[in-house]
Amino acid sequence: EERIQFGKPLIAFPRVADKIVMMAVETMIARQITYFAARAKDEGRRTDLEAGMSKLLGARVAWAAADNALQIHGGNGFALEYPVSRLLCDARILNIFEGAAEIQAQVIARRLLEGGN
């Protein structure tokens, strides 16, 4: 169902369209780095750098996308009958399950300083 504001569908507002586009772009980037890390692992290569980057970026992208989705939905974003209300909680836990962002950043920095690419 399309949400209407000021007589227009939300997608007609440039800021809403921008948010949706960036959510799609950032999700694609996070997905591609994850595929890259998985392929490297399948080939038997060391992947702590790629895996760390994938976890860090994936968690950040999930959080940003969930936050944007909540903003787009407005007050309905907090209503439990809409799935978007759960997204922010689920996105937040990713940093905990996959290691805090600071720890992932340390792993990445260590590998980069060792000469990892």
C-alpha atoms as a PDB file:
ATOM      1  CA  GLU A   1       0.000   0.000   0.000  1.00  0.00           C
ATOM      2  CA  GLU A   2       1.384   3.400  -0.957  1.00  0.00           C
ATOM      3  CA  ARG A   3       1.589   6.020   1.715  1.00  0.00           C
ATOM      4  CA  ILE A   4       0.331   9.445   0.655  1.00  0.00           C
ATOM      5  CA  GLN A   5       1.630  12.711   2.117  1.00  0.00           C
ATOM      6  CA  PHE A   6       0.410  16.127   0.980  1.00  0.00           C
ATOM      7  CA  GLY A   7      -1.553  14.454  -1.815  1.00  0.00           C
ATOM      8  CA  LYS A   8       1.459  12.654  -3.330  1.00  0.00           C
ATOM      9  CA  PRO A   9       2.930   9.166  -2.895  1.00  0.00           C
ATOM     10  CA  LEU A  10       6.028   9.205  -0.684  1.00  0.00           C
ATOM     11  CA  ILE A  11       8.238   8.004  -3.533  1.00  0.00           C
ATOM     12  CA  ALA A  12       7.500  11.316  -5.310  1.00  0.00           C
ATOM     13  CA  PHE A  13       9.529  13.162  -2.672  1.00  0.00           C
ATOM     14  CA  PRO A  14      13.219  13.360  -3.664  1.00  0.00           C
ATOM     15  CA  ARG A  15      14.546  12.666  -0.152  1.00  0.00           C
ATOM     16  CA  VAL A  16      12.504   9.459   0.090  1.00  0.00           C
ATOM     17  CA  ALA A  17      13.631   8.312  -3.347  1.00  0.00           C
ATOM     18  CA  ASP A  18      17.254   9.141  -2.409  1.00  0.00           C
ATOM     19  CA  LYS A  19      16.984   7.053   0.762  1.00  0.00           C
ATOM     20  CA  ILE A  20      15.571   4.071  -1.129  1.00  0.00           C
ATOM     21  CA  VAL A  21      18.229   4.307  -3.838  1.00  0.00           C
ATOM     22  CA  MET A  22      21.091   4.507  -1.334  1.00  0.00           C
ATOM     23  CA  MET A  23      19.644   1.590   0.636  1.00  0.00           C
ATOM     24  CA  ALA A  24      19.717  -0.492  -2.557  1.00  0.00           C
ATOM     25  CA  VAL A  25      23.234   0.631  -3.543  1.00  0.00           C
ATOM     26  CA  GLU A  26      24.730   0.053  -0.093  1.00  0.00           C
ATOM     27  CA  THR A  27      23.029  -3.335   0.204  1.00  0.00           C
ATOM     28  CA  MET A  28      24.479  -4.372  -3.164  1.00  0.00           C
ATOM     29  CA  ILE A  29      27.982  -3.287  -2.112  1.00  0.00           C
ATOM     30  CA  ALA A  30      27.750  -5.191   1.183  1.00  0.00           C
ATOM     31  CA  ARG A  31      26.451  -8.265  -0.646  1.00  0.00           C
ATOM     32  CA  GLN A  32      29.285  -8.152  -3.198  1.00  0.00           C
ATOM     33  CA  ILE A  33      32.042  -7.902  -0.578  1.00  0.00           C
ATOM     34  CA  THR A  34      30.432 -10.843   1.220  1.00  0.00           C
ATOM     35  CA  TYR A  35      30.450 -12.880  -2.001  1.00  0.00           C
ATOM     36  CA  PHE A  36      34.081 -11.873  -2.573  1.00  0.00           C
ATOM     37  CA  ALA A  37      35.069 -13.060   0.912  1.00  0.00           C
ATOM     38  CA  ALA A  38      33.136 -16.316   0.489  1.00  0.00           C
ATOM     39  CA  ARG A  39      34.789 -17.029  -2.864  1.00  0.00           C
ATOM     40  CA  ALA A  40      38.244 -16.390  -1.389  1.00  0.00           C
ATOM     41  CA  LYS A  41      37.460 -18.750   1.502  1.00  0.00           C
ATOM     42  CA  ASP A  42      36.220 -21.417  -0.923  1.00  0.00           C
ATOM     43  CA  GLU A  43      39.561 -21.098  -2.738  1.00  0.00           C
ATOM     44  CA  GLY A  44      41.395 -21.786   0.519  1.00  0.00           C
ATOM     45  CA  ARG A  45      42.780 -18.284   0.979  1.00  0.00           C
ATOM     46  CA  ARG A  46      43.106 -16.375   4.235  1.00  0.00           C
ATOM     47  CA  THR A  47      40.005 -14.195   4.542  1.00  0.00           C
ATOM     48  CA  ASP A  48      40.133 -12.427   7.892  1.00  0.00           C
ATOM     49  CA  LEU A  49      40.498  -9.055   6.143  1.00  0.00           C
ATOM     50  CA  GLU A  50      37.644  -9.641   3.709  1.00  0.00           C
ATOM     51  CA  ALA A  51      35.430 -11.286   6.320  1.00  0.00           C
ATOM     52  CA  GLY A  52      36.042  -8.428   8.758  1.00  0.00           C
ATOM     53  CA  MET A  53      35.201  -5.861   6.099  1.00  0.00           C
ATOM     54  CA  SER A  54      32.089  -7.794   5.152  1.00  0.00           C
ATOM     55  CA  LYS A  55      30.876  -8.018   8.748  1.00  0.00           C
ATOM     56  CA  LEU A  56      31.623  -4.377   9.506  1.00  0.00           C
ATOM     57  CA  LEU A  57      30.022  -3.030   6.350  1.00  0.00           C
ATOM     58  CA  GLY A  58      27.077  -5.434   6.451  1.00  0.00           C
ATOM     59  CA  ALA A  59      26.175  -4.451  10.005  1.00  0.00           C
ATOM     60  CA  ARG A  60      26.462  -0.732   9.240  1.00  0.00           C
ATOM     61  CA  VAL A  61      24.422  -1.017   6.059  1.00  0.00           C
ATOM     62  CA  ALA A  62      21.736  -3.028   7.849  1.00  0.00           C
ATOM     63  CA  TRP A  63      21.505  -0.398  10.585  1.00  0.00           C
ATOM     64  CA  ALA A  64      21.348   2.507   8.112  1.00  0.00           C
ATOM     65  CA  ALA A  65      18.744   0.760   5.956  1.00  0.00           C
ATOM     66  CA  ALA A  66      16.583  -0.088   8.961  1.00  0.00           C
ATOM     67  CA  ASP A  67      16.821   3.488  10.236  1.00  0.00           C
ATOM     68  CA  ASN A  68      15.894   4.875   6.813  1.00  0.00           C
ATOM     69  CA  ALA A  69      12.987   2.438   6.478  1.00  0.00           C
ATOM     70  CA  LEU A  70      11.701   3.530   9.870  1.00  0.00           C
ATOM     71  CA  GLN A  71      11.924   7.201   8.852  1.00  0.00           C
ATOM     72  CA  ILE A  72      10.119   6.533   5.577  1.00  0.00           C
ATOM     73  CA  HIS A  73       7.308   4.739   7.412  1.00  0.00           C
ATOM     74  CA  GLY A  74       7.000   7.545   9.956  1.00  0.00           C
ATOM     75  CA  GLY A  75       4.861   6.729  12.991  1.00  0.00           C
ATOM     76  CA  ASN A  76       3.781   3.443  11.404  1.00  0.00           C
ATOM     77  CA  GLY A  77       7.389   2.328  11.644  1.00  0.00           C
ATOM     78  CA  PHE A  78       6.935   1.935  15.388  1.00  0.00           C
ATOM     79  CA  ALA A  79       3.638   0.045  15.184  1.00  0.00           C
ATOM     80  CA  LEU A  80       4.124  -3.645  15.907  1.00  0.00           C
ATOM     81  CA  GLU A  81       1.771  -4.722  13.115  1.00  0.00           C
ATOM     82  CA  TYR A  82       4.302  -3.468  10.534  1.00  0.00           C
ATOM     83  CA  PRO A  83       7.430  -5.588   9.934  1.00  0.00           C
ATOM     84  CA  VAL A  84       9.620  -2.485   9.786  1.00  0.00           C
ATOM     85  CA  SER A  85       9.217  -2.072  13.554  1.00  0.00           C
ATOM     86  CA  ARG A  86      11.388  -5.157  14.074  1.00  0.00           C
ATOM     87  CA  LEU A  87      14.112  -4.238  11.576  1.00  0.00           C
ATOM     88  CA  LEU A  88      15.938  -1.763  13.788  1.00  0.00           C
ATOM     89  CA  CYS A  89      16.188  -4.273  16.645  1.00  0.00           C
ATOM     90  CA  ASP A  90      17.396  -6.998  14.298  1.00  0.00           C
ATOM     91  CA  ALA A  91      19.919  -4.684  12.636  1.00  0.00           C
ATOM     92  CA  ARG A  92      21.342  -3.521  15.963  1.00  0.00           C
ATOM     93  CA  ILE A  93      22.110  -7.025  17.138  1.00  0.00           C
ATOM     94  CA  LEU A  94      24.359  -7.663  14.122  1.00  0.00           C
ATOM     95  CA  ASN A  95      27.179  -5.657  15.703  1.00  0.00           C
ATOM     96  CA  ILE A  96      26.910  -7.830  18.794  1.00  0.00           C
ATOM     97  CA  PHE A  97      26.620 -11.213  17.077  1.00  0.00           C
ATOM     98  CA  GLU A  98      29.337 -10.509  14.523  1.00  0.00           C
ATOM     99  CA  GLY A  99      31.662  -8.728  16.934  1.00  0.00           C
ATOM    100  CA  ALA A 100      31.554  -5.085  17.858  1.00  0.00           C
ATOM    101  CA  ALA A 101      32.393  -2.639  15.075  1.00  0.00           C
ATOM    102  CA  GLU A 102      35.491  -1.565  16.979  1.00  0.00           C
ATOM    103  CA  ILE A 103      36.788  -5.147  17.099  1.00  0.00           C
ATOM    104  CA  GLN A 104      36.123  -5.645  13.391  1.00  0.00           C
ATOM    105  CA  ALA A 105      37.966  -2.391  12.703  1.00  0.00           C
ATOM    106  CA  GLN A 106      40.955  -3.629  14.726  1.00  0.00           C
ATOM    107  CA  VAL A 107      41.058  -6.893  12.760  1.00  0.00           C
ATOM    108  CA  ILE A 108      40.918  -4.968   9.487  1.00  0.00           C
ATOM    109  CA  ALA A 109      43.575  -2.447  10.542  1.00  0.00           C
ATOM    110  CA  ARG A 110      45.911  -5.196  11.745  1.00  0.00           C
ATOM    111  CA  ARG A 111      45.622  -7.057   8.432  1.00  0.00           C
ATOM    112  CA  LEU A 112      46.116  -3.877   6.406  1.00  0.00           C
ATOM    113  CA  LEU A 113      49.261  -3.036   8.373  1.00  0.00           C
ATOM    114  CA  GLU A 114      50.550  -6.571   7.734  1.00  0.00           C
ATOM    115  CA  GLY A 115      50.262  -5.862   4.034  1.00  0.00           C
ATOM    116  CA  GLY A 116      46.895  -7.469   3.337  1.00  0.00           C
ATOM    117  CA  ASN A 117      44.987  -6.152   0.337  1.00  0.00           C
END
